[in-house]
C-alpha atoms as a PDB file:
ATOM      1  CA  MET A   1      50.745  70.253  25.407  1.00  0.00           C
ATOM      2  CA  ALA A   2      48.103  69.659  22.619  1.00  0.00           C
ATOM      3  CA  GLU A   3      46.823  66.109  22.147  1.00  0.00           C
ATOM      4  CA  VAL A   4      48.253  64.102  18.912  1.00  0.00           C
ATOM      5  CA  THR A   5      45.586  61.879  17.781  1.00  0.00           C
ATOM      6  CA  GLY A   6      46.408  58.851  15.075  1.00  0.00           C
ATOM      7  CA  LYS A   7      44.221  61.065  12.590  1.00  0.00           C
ATOM      8  CA  MET A   8      46.863  63.687  12.722  1.00  0.00           C
ATOM      9  CA  VAL A   9      49.448  61.673  12.377  1.00  0.00           C
ATOM     10  CA  MET A  10      48.291  59.693   9.251  1.00  0.00           C
ATOM     11  CA  ASP A  11      47.173  63.045   7.630  1.00  0.00           C
ATOM     12  CA  LEU A  12      50.886  64.324   8.316  1.00  0.00           C
ATOM     13  CA  ARG A  13      51.997  61.131   6.838  1.00  0.00           C
ATOM     14  CA  GLN A  14      49.681  61.194   3.735  1.00  0.00           C
ATOM     15  CA  GLN A  15      50.532  64.616   3.128  1.00  0.00           C
ATOM     16  CA  SER A  16      54.830  64.078   3.752  1.00  0.00           C
ATOM     17  CA  GLY A  17      55.116  60.535   2.982  1.00  0.00           C
ATOM     18  CA  ALA A  18      56.944  59.989   5.838  1.00  0.00           C
ATOM     19  CA  GLY A  19      57.170  57.157   8.244  1.00  0.00           C
ATOM     20  CA  ILE A  20      54.453  57.198  11.194  1.00  0.00           C
ATOM     21  CA  MET A  21      57.021  57.286  14.406  1.00  0.00           C
ATOM     22  CA  ASP A  22      58.723  60.503  12.280  1.00  0.00           C
ATOM     23  CA  CYS A  23      55.242  62.313  11.877  1.00  0.00           C
ATOM     24  CA  LYS A  24      54.288  61.557  15.513  1.00  0.00           C
ATOM     25  CA  LYS A  25      57.971  62.891  16.798  1.00  0.00           C
ATOM     26  CA  ALA A  26      57.378  65.766  14.626  1.00  0.00           C
ATOM     27  CA  LEU A  27      53.678  66.925  15.611  1.00  0.00           C
ATOM     28  CA  VAL A  28      54.490  66.141  19.415  1.00  0.00           C
ATOM     29  CA  ASP A  29      57.727  68.552  19.178  1.00  0.00           C
ATOM     30  CA  ALA A  30      55.487  70.900  17.437  1.00  0.00           C
ATOM     31  CA  ASP A  31      52.732  70.769  19.818  1.00  0.00           C
ATOM     32  CA  GLY A  32      50.035  69.634  17.365  1.00  0.00           C
ATOM     33  CA  ASP A  33      50.779  72.482  14.667  1.00  0.00           C
ATOM     34  CA  MET A  34      50.311  70.299  11.396  1.00  0.00           C
ATOM     35  CA  GLU A  35      52.295  73.479   9.429  1.00  0.00           C
ATOM     36  CA  LYS A  36      55.372  73.172  11.949  1.00  0.00           C
ATOM     37  CA  ALA A  37      55.320  69.422  11.897  1.00  0.00           C
ATOM     38  CA  SER A  38      55.921  69.625   8.538  1.00  0.00           C
ATOM     39  CA  GLU A  39      58.184  72.317   8.406  1.00  0.00           C
ATOM     40  CA  LEU A  40      60.243  69.624  11.339  1.00  0.00           C
ATOM     41  CA  LEU A  41      60.304  67.458   8.672  1.00  0.00           C
ATOM     42  CA  ARG A  42      61.763  68.831   5.713  1.00  0.00           C
ATOM     43  CA  GLU A  43      64.461  70.238   8.122  1.00  0.00           C
ATOM     44  CA  ARG A  44      65.386  66.488   9.773  1.00  0.00           C
ATOM     45  CA  GLY A  45      65.174  65.548   5.992  1.00  0.00           C
ATOM     46  CA  ILE A  46      62.525  63.232   5.916  1.00  0.00           C
ATOM     47  CA  VAL A  47      60.569  64.904   3.146  1.00  0.00           C
ATOM     48  CA  LYS A  48      63.209  65.166   0.981  1.00  0.00           C
ATOM     49  CA  ALA A  49      64.532  61.382   1.669  1.00  0.00           C
ATOM     50  CA  VAL A  50      60.808  60.178   0.208  1.00  0.00           C
ATOM     51  CA  LYS A  51      61.552  62.283  -3.121  1.00  0.00           C
ATOM     52  CA  LYS A  52      64.719  60.641  -3.368  1.00  0.00           C
ATOM     53  CA  GLU A  53      62.796  57.311  -3.351  1.00  0.00           C
ATOM     54  CA  SER A  54      62.100  57.697  -7.122  1.00  0.00           C
ATOM     55  CA  ARG A  55      65.983  57.726  -7.829  1.00  0.00           C
ATOM     56  CA  ILE A  56      67.921  54.834  -9.625  1.00  0.00           C
ATOM     57  CA  ALA A  57      69.931  52.826  -7.147  1.00  0.00           C
ATOM     58  CA  ALA A  58      72.267  50.395  -9.013  1.00  0.00           C
ATOM     59  CA  GLU A  59      75.332  50.956  -6.207  1.00  0.00           C
ATOM     60  CA  GLY A  60      75.065  48.852  -2.833  1.00  0.00           C
ATOM     61  CA  ALA A  61      76.231  45.637  -1.199  1.00  0.00           C
ATOM     62  CA  ILE A  62      74.936  42.460  -0.592  1.00  0.00           C
ATOM     63  CA  GLY A  63      75.179  41.222   3.378  1.00  0.00           C
ATOM     64  CA  ALA A  64      75.160  38.150   5.112  1.00  0.00           C
ATOM     65  CA  TYR A  65      73.809  36.762   8.475  1.00  0.00           C
ATOM     66  CA  VAL A  66      73.986  33.080   9.629  1.00  0.00           C
ATOM     67  CA  GLU A  67      72.602  32.254  13.356  1.00  0.00           C
ATOM     68  CA  GLY A  68      71.878  28.523  14.006  1.00  0.00           C
ATOM     69  CA  GLY A  69      70.210  26.461  11.025  1.00  0.00           C
ATOM     70  CA  VAL A  70      69.315  30.013   9.202  1.00  0.00           C
ATOM     71  CA  GLY A  71      71.215  32.000   6.611  1.00  0.00           C
ATOM     72  CA  VAL A  72      70.263  35.042   4.689  1.00  0.00           C
ATOM     73  CA  LEU A  73      71.868  36.620   1.905  1.00  0.00           C
ATOM     74  CA  VAL A  74      70.652  40.143   1.087  1.00  0.00           C
ATOM     75  CA  GLU A  75      71.369  43.129  -1.448  1.00  0.00           C
ATOM     76  CA  VAL A  76      70.835  46.542  -0.547  1.00  0.00           C
ATOM     77  CA  ASN A  77      70.838  49.119  -3.124  1.00  0.00           C
ATOM     78  CA  CYS A  78      72.201  53.110  -2.883  1.00  0.00           C
ATOM     79  CA  GLU A  79      73.059  55.479  -5.712  1.00  0.00           C
ATOM     80  CA  THR A  80      76.759  55.529  -5.288  1.00  0.00           C
ATOM     81  CA  ASP A  81      79.662  53.346  -4.814  1.00  0.00           C
ATOM     82  CA  PHE A  82      81.023  55.833  -2.161  1.00  0.00           C
ATOM     83  CA  VAL A  83      78.042  55.345   0.197  1.00  0.00           C
ATOM     84  CA  ALA A  84      77.885  51.646  -0.366  1.00  0.00           C
ATOM     85  CA  ARG A  85      81.752  51.796   1.426  1.00  0.00           C
ATOM     86  CA  THR A  86      80.235  53.752   4.623  1.00  0.00           C
ATOM     87  CA  ASP A  87      80.235  52.156   7.788  1.00  0.00           C
ATOM     88  CA  LYS A  88      76.581  53.855   8.159  1.00  0.00           C
ATOM     89  CA  PHE A  89      75.196  51.803   4.914  1.00  0.00           C
ATOM     90  CA  LEU A  90      76.952  48.792   5.836  1.00  0.00           C
ATOM     91  CA  ALA A  91      75.119  48.695   9.363  1.00  0.00           C
ATOM     92  CA  ALA A  92      72.124  49.034   7.681  1.00  0.00           C
ATOM     93  CA  VAL A  93      72.341  46.133   5.542  1.00  0.00           C
ATOM     94  CA  ASN A  94      73.388  44.133   8.414  1.00  0.00           C
ATOM     95  CA  THR A  95      70.712  45.144  10.301  1.00  0.00           C
ATOM     96  CA  ILE A  96      68.068  44.145   7.575  1.00  0.00           C
ATOM     97  CA  ALA A  97      69.939  40.764   7.389  1.00  0.00           C
ATOM     98  CA  LYS A  98      68.965  40.201  10.606  1.00  0.00           C
ATOM     99  CA  THR A  99      65.714  40.998  10.234  1.00  0.00           C
ATOM    100  CA  ILE A 100      65.115  38.709   7.474  1.00  0.00           C
ATOM    101  CA  ALA A 101      66.535  35.667   9.321  1.00  0.00           C
ATOM    102  CA  SER A 102      64.153  36.645  12.176  1.00  0.00           C
ATOM    103  CA  ALA A 103      61.149  37.082  10.214  1.00  0.00           C
ATOM    104  CA  LYS A 104      61.540  34.931   7.423  1.00  0.00           C
ATOM    105  CA  PRO A 105      59.151  37.255   5.214  1.00  0.00           C
ATOM    106  CA  ALA A 106      58.458  35.308   1.746  1.00  0.00           C
ATOM    107  CA  ASP A 107      59.579  38.503  -0.598  1.00  0.00           C
ATOM    108  CA  VAL A 108      60.749  42.009  -0.601  1.00  0.00           C
ATOM    109  CA  ASP A 109      56.797  43.194  -0.223  1.00  0.00           C
ATOM    110  CA  ALA A 110      56.504  40.874   2.701  1.00  0.00           C
ATOM    111  CA  LEU A 111      59.776  42.472   4.220  1.00  0.00           C
ATOM    112  CA  LEU A 112      58.840  45.991   3.939  1.00  0.00           C
ATOM    113  CA  GLU A 113      55.957  45.543   5.924  1.00  0.00           C
ATOM    114  CA  CYS A 114      57.601  43.383   8.834  1.00  0.00           C
ATOM    115  CA  THR A 115      58.824  45.358  12.239  1.00  0.00           C
ATOM    116  CA  LEU A 116      61.780  47.038  12.705  1.00  0.00           C
ATOM    117  CA  GLU A 117      62.942  49.237  15.322  1.00  0.00           C
ATOM    118  CA  GLY A 118      59.722  49.842  16.384  1.00  0.00           C
ATOM    119  CA  ASP A 119      58.184  50.353  13.072  1.00  0.00           C
ATOM    120  CA  THR A 120      58.044  48.849   9.479  1.00  0.00           C
ATOM    121  CA  VAL A 121      61.128  47.970   7.175  1.00  0.00           C
ATOM    122  CA  LYS A 122      59.658  50.229   4.840  1.00  0.00           C
ATOM    123  CA  ASN A 123      59.620  53.577   7.000  1.00  0.00           C
ATOM    124  CA  TYR A 124      63.474  52.383   8.336  1.00  0.00           C
ATOM    125  CA  LEU A 125      64.471  52.346   5.064  1.00  0.00           C
ATOM    126  CA  THR A 126      63.086  56.031   4.448  1.00  0.00           C
ATOM    127  CA  ASN A 127      64.432  57.073   7.613  1.00  0.00           C
ATOM    128  CA  GLN A 128      67.652  55.780   6.299  1.00  0.00           C
ATOM    129  CA  THR A 129      67.563  57.569   3.034  1.00  0.00           C
ATOM    130  CA  ALA A 130      67.507  60.682   5.180  1.00  0.00           C
ATOM    131  CA  VAL A 131      70.331  59.656   7.483  1.00  0.00           C
ATOM    132  CA  ILE A 132      72.658  58.431   4.416  1.00  0.00           C
ATOM    133  CA  GLY A 133      71.091  61.004   1.723  1.00  0.00           C
ATOM    134  CA  GLU A 134      70.615  58.728  -0.862  1.00  0.00           C
ATOM    135  CA  LYS A 135      67.781  56.239  -1.961  1.00  0.00           C
ATOM    136  CA  ILE A 136      68.200  52.744  -0.045  1.00  0.00           C
ATOM    137  CA  SER A 137      66.398  49.952  -0.918  1.00  0.00           C
ATOM    138  CA  VAL A 138      66.222  46.285  -0.757  1.00  0.00           C
ATOM    139  CA  ARG A 139      66.560  44.355  -4.137  1.00  0.00           C
ATOM    140  CA  ARG A 140      66.493  40.992  -3.119  1.00  0.00           C
ATOM    141  CA  PHE A 141      67.333  38.005  -0.568  1.00  0.00           C
ATOM    142  CA  ALA A 142      67.406  34.355   0.358  1.00  0.00           C
ATOM    143  CA  VAL A 143      67.061  32.674   3.201  1.00  0.00           C
ATOM    144  CA  TYR A 144      68.154  29.145   3.791  1.00  0.00           C
ATOM    145  CA  GLU A 145      67.193  26.794   6.825  1.00  0.00           C
ATOM    146  CA  THR A 146      68.780  23.620   7.377  1.00  0.00           C
ATOM    147  CA  ALA A 147      70.095  20.947   9.916  1.00  0.00           C
ATOM    148  CA  GLY A 148      73.226  20.926   8.131  1.00  0.00           C
ATOM    149  CA  LYS A 149      75.525  23.617   7.653  1.00  0.00           C
ATOM    150  CA  ILE A 150      75.248  27.016   6.165  1.00  0.00           C
ATOM    151  CA  GLU A 151      78.609  28.761   4.666  1.00  0.00           C
ATOM    152  CA  THR A 152      78.646  32.750   3.419  1.00  0.00           C
ATOM    153  CA  TYR A 153      81.195  34.731   2.092  1.00  0.00           C
ATOM    154  CA  ILE A 154      81.274  38.715   1.027  1.00  0.00           C
ATOM    155  CA  HIS A 155      83.806  39.835  -1.401  1.00  0.00           C
ATOM    156  CA  MET A 156      85.079  43.272  -1.637  1.00  0.00           C
ATOM    157  CA  LEU A 157      82.708  44.974   0.901  1.00  0.00           C
ATOM    158  CA  GLY A 158      79.888  43.141  -0.660  1.00  0.00           C
ATOM    159  CA  LYS A 159      80.642  43.641  -4.232  1.00  0.00           C
ATOM    160  CA  VAL A 160      79.858  39.683  -4.754  1.00  0.00           C
ATOM    161  CA  GLY A 161      78.106  37.692  -2.062  1.00  0.00           C
ATOM    162  CA  VAL A 162      77.962  33.931  -1.610  1.00  0.00           C
ATOM    163  CA  MET A 163      75.778  31.509   0.668  1.00  0.00           C
ATOM    164  CA  VAL A 164      76.183  27.624   0.492  1.00  0.00           C
ATOM    165  CA  GLU A 165      74.521  25.398   2.334  1.00  0.00           C
ATOM    166  CA  ALA A 166      75.768  21.805   2.861  1.00  0.00           C
ATOM    167  CA  SER A 167      73.477  18.754   4.038  1.00  0.00           C
ATOM    168  CA  PRO A 168      74.408  16.392   5.348  1.00  0.00           C
ATOM    169  CA  PHE A 169      77.290  17.827   7.065  1.00  0.00           C
ATOM    170  CA  THR A 170      79.951  15.444   8.479  1.00  0.00           C
ATOM    171  CA  GLU A 171      83.076  17.617   8.616  1.00  0.00           C
ATOM    172  CA  GLY A 172      85.083  20.189   6.884  1.00  0.00           C
ATOM    173  CA  GLU A 173      84.563  23.417   7.899  1.00  0.00           C
ATOM    174  CA  GLU A 174      87.596  24.736   6.078  1.00  0.00           C
ATOM    175  CA  THR A 175      86.740  23.030   2.952  1.00  0.00           C
ATOM    176  CA  LEU A 176      83.248  24.375   3.206  1.00  0.00           C
ATOM    177  CA  HIS A 177      84.533  27.929   3.490  1.00  0.00           C
ATOM    178  CA  ASP A 178      86.811  26.667   0.438  1.00  0.00           C
ATOM    179  CA  VAL A 179      83.595  25.712  -1.302  1.00  0.00           C
ATOM    180  CA  ALA A 180      82.417  29.417  -0.796  1.00  0.00           C
ATOM    181  CA  LEU A 181      85.544  30.748  -2.189  1.00  0.00           C
ATOM    182  CA  GLN A 182      85.170  28.462  -5.196  1.00  0.00           C
ATOM    183  CA  ILE A 183      81.736  29.801  -6.197  1.00  0.00           C
ATOM    184  CA  ALA A 184      82.908  33.189  -5.614  1.00  0.00           C
ATOM    185  CA  ALA A 185      85.547  32.837  -7.962  1.00  0.00           C
ATOM    186  CA  ALA A 186      84.591  30.550 -10.591  1.00  0.00           C
ATOM    187  CA  LYS A 187      81.161  31.532 -11.047  1.00  0.00           C
ATOM    188  CA  PRO A 188      79.191  27.924 -11.548  1.00  0.00           C
ATOM    189  CA  SER A 189      75.962  28.178 -12.306  1.00  0.00           C
ATOM    190  CA  TYR A 190      74.373  24.529 -10.911  1.00  0.00           C
ATOM    191  CA  VAL A 191      75.542  22.261  -8.167  1.00  0.00           C
ATOM    192  CA  ASN A 192      76.239  19.455 -10.506  1.00  0.00           C
ATOM    193  CA  LYS A 193      75.019  17.851 -13.969  1.00  0.00           C
ATOM    194  CA  SER A 194      71.469  16.524 -12.622  1.00  0.00           C
ATOM    195  CA  GLU A 195      70.591  20.383 -12.488  1.00  0.00           C
ATOM    196  CA  VAL A 196      71.365  21.110 -16.022  1.00  0.00           C
ATOM    197  CA  THR A 197      68.038  21.153 -17.753  1.00  0.00           C
ATOM    198  CA  GLN A 198      67.439  19.706 -21.178  1.00  0.00           C
ATOM    199  CA  ASP A 199      66.389  22.925 -22.757  1.00  0.00           C
ATOM    200  CA  VAL A 200      69.790  24.260 -21.597  1.00  0.00           C
ATOM    201  CA  LEU A 201      71.776  21.133 -22.877  1.00  0.00           C
ATOM    202  CA  ASP A 202      69.835  21.113 -26.233  1.00  0.00           C
ATOM    203  CA  LYS A 203      70.687  25.108 -27.083  1.00  0.00           C
ATOM    204  CA  GLU A 204      74.389  24.343 -25.978  1.00  0.00           C
ATOM    205  CA  LYS A 205      74.548  21.255 -28.615  1.00  0.00           C
ATOM    206  CA  GLU A 206      72.633  23.852 -31.154  1.00  0.00           C
ATOM    207  CA  ILE A 207      75.753  26.555 -30.675  1.00  0.00           C
ATOM    208  CA  MET A 208      78.366  23.915 -30.727  1.00  0.00           C
ATOM    209  CA  VAL A 209      76.706  22.695 -34.067  1.00  0.00           C
ATOM    210  CA  ALA A 210      76.138  25.846 -35.363  1.00  0.00           C
ATOM    211  CA  GLN A 211      79.892  26.943 -34.725  1.00  0.00           C
ATOM    212  CA  MET A 212      81.282  23.579 -36.291  1.00  0.00           C
ATOM    213  CA  GLN A 213      79.363  24.026 -39.698  1.00  0.00           C
ATOM    214  CA  ASN A 214      81.004  27.761 -39.810  1.00  0.00           C
ATOM    215  CA  ASP A 215      84.424  26.530 -39.293  1.00  0.00           C
ATOM    216  CA  GLU A 216      85.858  24.756 -42.816  1.00  0.00           C
ATOM    217  CA  LYS A 217      87.996  22.320 -40.659  1.00  0.00           C
ATOM    218  CA  TYR A 218      84.568  20.370 -39.946  1.00  0.00           C
ATOM    219  CA  ALA A 219      83.232  20.577 -43.050  1.00  0.00           C
ATOM    220  CA  ASN A 220      83.833  17.403 -44.034  1.00  0.00           C
ATOM    221  CA  LYS A 221      83.611  15.457 -40.978  1.00  0.00           C
ATOM    222  CA  PRO A 222      81.021  12.823 -40.848  1.00  0.00           C
ATOM    223  CA  ALA A 223      78.053  13.384 -38.491  1.00  0.00           C
ATOM    224  CA  GLU A 224      78.857  10.768 -35.942  1.00  0.00           C
ATOM    225  CA  VAL A 225      82.324  12.728 -35.868  1.00  0.00           C
ATOM    226  CA  LEU A 226      80.676  15.812 -35.211  1.00  0.00           C
ATOM    227  CA  GLU A 227      78.473  14.102 -32.775  1.00  0.00           C
ATOM    228  CA  LYS A 228      81.451  12.765 -30.515  1.00  0.00           C
ATOM    229  CA  ILE A 229      83.181  16.587 -30.527  1.00  0.00           C
ATOM    230  CA  VAL A 230      79.445  17.737 -29.420  1.00  0.00           C
ATOM    231  CA  MET A 231      80.210  15.433 -26.551  1.00  0.00           C
ATOM    232  CA  GLY A 232      83.731  16.237 -25.805  1.00  0.00           C
ATOM    233  CA  LYS A 233      82.505  20.084 -25.452  1.00  0.00           C
ATOM    234  CA  MET A 234      79.698  19.340 -23.121  1.00  0.00           C
ATOM    235  CA  GLY A 235      82.276  17.868 -21.070  1.00  0.00           C
ATOM    236  CA  LYS A 236      83.812  21.316 -20.890  1.00  0.00           C
ATOM    237  CA  PHE A 237      80.575  22.999 -20.355  1.00  0.00           C
ATOM    238  CA  TYR A 238      80.045  20.861 -17.240  1.00  0.00           C
ATOM    239  CA  SER A 239      83.480  21.622 -16.285  1.00  0.00           C
ATOM    240  CA  ASP A 240      82.910  25.438 -16.567  1.00  0.00           C
ATOM    241  CA  ASN A 241      79.032  25.325 -15.252  1.00  0.00           C
ATOM    242  CA  CYS A 242      79.045  22.817 -12.811  1.00  0.00           C
ATOM    243  CA  LEU A 243      80.228  23.389  -9.298  1.00  0.00           C
ATOM    244  CA  LEU A 244      81.434  19.758  -8.566  1.00  0.00           C
ATOM    245  CA  ASN A 245      82.649  19.297 -11.691  1.00  0.00           C
ATOM    246  CA  GLN A 246      85.038  22.311 -11.743  1.00  0.00           C
ATOM    247  CA  ALA A 247      88.734  22.569 -11.056  1.00  0.00           C
ATOM    248  CA  PHE A 248      89.395  23.402  -7.752  1.00  0.00           C
ATOM    249  CA  VAL A 249      90.907  27.016  -7.693  1.00  0.00           C
ATOM    250  CA  LYS A 250      93.376  26.095  -4.978  1.00  0.00           C
ATOM    251  CA  ASP A 251      94.189  22.954  -6.828  1.00  0.00           C
ATOM    252  CA  ASP A 252      93.376  22.478 -10.454  1.00  0.00           C
ATOM    253  CA  SER A 253      94.697  18.959 -10.342  1.00  0.00           C
ATOM    254  CA  GLN A 254      91.768  18.156  -8.048  1.00  0.00           C
ATOM    255  CA  THR A 255      87.543  18.607  -8.794  1.00  0.00           C
ATOM    256  CA  VAL A 256      85.546  20.077  -6.470  1.00  0.00           C
ATOM    257  CA  GLU A 257      84.035  16.808  -6.034  1.00  0.00           C
ATOM    258  CA  GLN A 258      87.304  15.167  -5.209  1.00  0.00           C
ATOM    259  CA  VAL A 259      88.205  17.746  -2.623  1.00  0.00           C
ATOM    260  CA  ILE A 260      84.922  17.261  -0.751  1.00  0.00           C
ATOM    261  CA  GLY A 261      84.895  13.936  -0.853  1.00  0.00           C
ATOM    262  CA  LYS A 262      82.771  12.696   1.752  1.00  0.00           C
ATOM    263  CA  LYS A 263      82.815  15.111   3.894  1.00  0.00           C
ATOM    264  CA  PHE A 264      79.461  16.847   2.899  1.00  0.00           C
ATOM    265  CA  THR A 265      76.982  17.481   0.315  1.00  0.00           C
ATOM    266  CA  VAL A 266      76.337  20.587  -1.182  1.00  0.00           C
ATOM    267  CA  ALA A 267      72.895  21.358  -1.264  1.00  0.00           C
ATOM    268  CA  ARG A 268      72.475  24.571  -2.963  1.00  0.00           C
ATOM    269  CA  PHE A 269      74.202  27.630  -3.174  1.00  0.00           C
ATOM    270  CA  VAL A 270      73.454  31.624  -4.399  1.00  0.00           C
ATOM    271  CA  ARG A 271      75.868  33.723  -5.973  1.00  0.00           C
ATOM    272  CA  TRP A 272      75.356  37.487  -6.472  1.00  0.00           C
ATOM    273  CA  GLU A 273      76.927  40.273  -7.715  1.00  0.00           C
ATOM    274  CA  THR A 274      75.604  44.117  -6.887  1.00  0.00           C
ATOM    275  CA  GLY A 275      73.941  46.114  -9.346  1.00  0.00           C
ATOM    276  CA  GLU A 276      73.689  42.843 -11.689  1.00  0.00           C
ATOM    277  CA  GLY A 277      71.175  43.765 -14.519  1.00  0.00           C
ATOM    278  CA  LEU A 278      70.138  46.900 -13.075  1.00  0.00           C
ATOM    279  CA  GLU A 279      70.377  50.291 -14.832  1.00  0.00           C
ATOM    280  CA  LYS A 280      73.366  52.478 -13.718  1.00  0.00           C
ATOM    281  CA  LYS A 281      73.184  56.149 -12.560  1.00  0.00           C
ATOM    282  CA  THR A 282      74.837  58.416 -15.034  1.00  0.00           C
ATOM    283  CA  ASN A 283      75.548  61.715 -13.237  1.00  0.00           C
ATOM    284  CA  ASP A 284      73.966  64.795 -14.691  1.00  0.00           C
ATOM    285  CA  LEU A 285      76.265  67.739 -13.204  1.00  0.00           C
ATOM    286  CA  ASN A 286      73.759  70.640 -14.408  1.00  0.00           C
ATOM    287  CA  ALA A 287      70.998  68.319 -12.642  1.00  0.00           C
ATOM    288  CA  ASP A 288      72.893  67.871  -9.544  1.00  0.00           C
ATOM    289  CA  ILE A 289      73.765  71.801  -9.452  1.00  0.00           C
ATOM    290  CA  ALA A 290      69.869  72.655  -9.776  1.00  0.00           C
ATOM    291  CA  GLU A 291      68.674  70.271  -7.013  1.00  0.00           C
ATOM    292  CA  GLN A 292      71.834  71.582  -4.875  1.00  0.00           C
ATOM    293  CA  VAL A 293      70.419  75.263  -5.370  1.00  0.00           C
ATOM    294  CA  ALA A 294      66.566  74.363  -4.742  1.00  0.00           C
ATOM    295  CA  ASN A 295      67.882  72.732  -1.578  1.00  0.00           C
ATOM    296  CA  MET A 296      69.548  75.877  -0.345  1.00  0.00           C
ATOM    297  CA  LYS A 297      66.318  77.614  -1.159  1.00  0.00           C
ATOM    298  CA  LYS A 298      64.064  75.838   1.257  1.00  0.00           C
END
């Protein structure tokens, strides 16, 4: 058997774009024959996977993982909703979440260089792209570390994901879970009033004043009356956008703050929806057929 050197592996990797471990295995199986190794990579779908990395991946799933005082929320994208619901894809999301919890990388770029299953996360994603058949990419993640308690909630196989930290936490696991459900359903932007910045408040007041100026019933109202109306509307803004001021979804006679009481303090939360803000893939039937025909000729 011919010796497979590090240079051979790197040359094949540069040529194919495949992962180091895939290149090494192909070279070993090809007895050091570079051309045959390239063919093996194509047969195994690895090179095709690299080509797919240029596609739009706006579907996917949000996954969560909690161990001890560390919690992770991560969004992993693919190309179609069908793949996003498969066991293989969801297993990959869970694997990546566990890796983030262990390595605690600073950002996605740092995550891609982390070790996973004897290789880098970047190469793991390329390999998963080959196995699953669509571009797989990590869009974003959040890591919480706390001496308190972390609760997560995943809705509709990862269409919506929530992570909330309670610190300090005295009691009330069920209530904390209800708070996670509240965040998923009511979509608050802040924990409480103090988090709302002055520029946001000024903008909201500006919009409210403009609305009243365009409404005939407010035309002859004195300025002090309009100011009181604006303040009343700001109360509605807080109850819509601040978690603790929201009406509790299970009992709207109470606010979330009243339900929590002294059990714990909500320190922070994150709520994501899969693919929000991303360009969605539009299917081009002719292009799909042409690609399939080209693949058949390989």
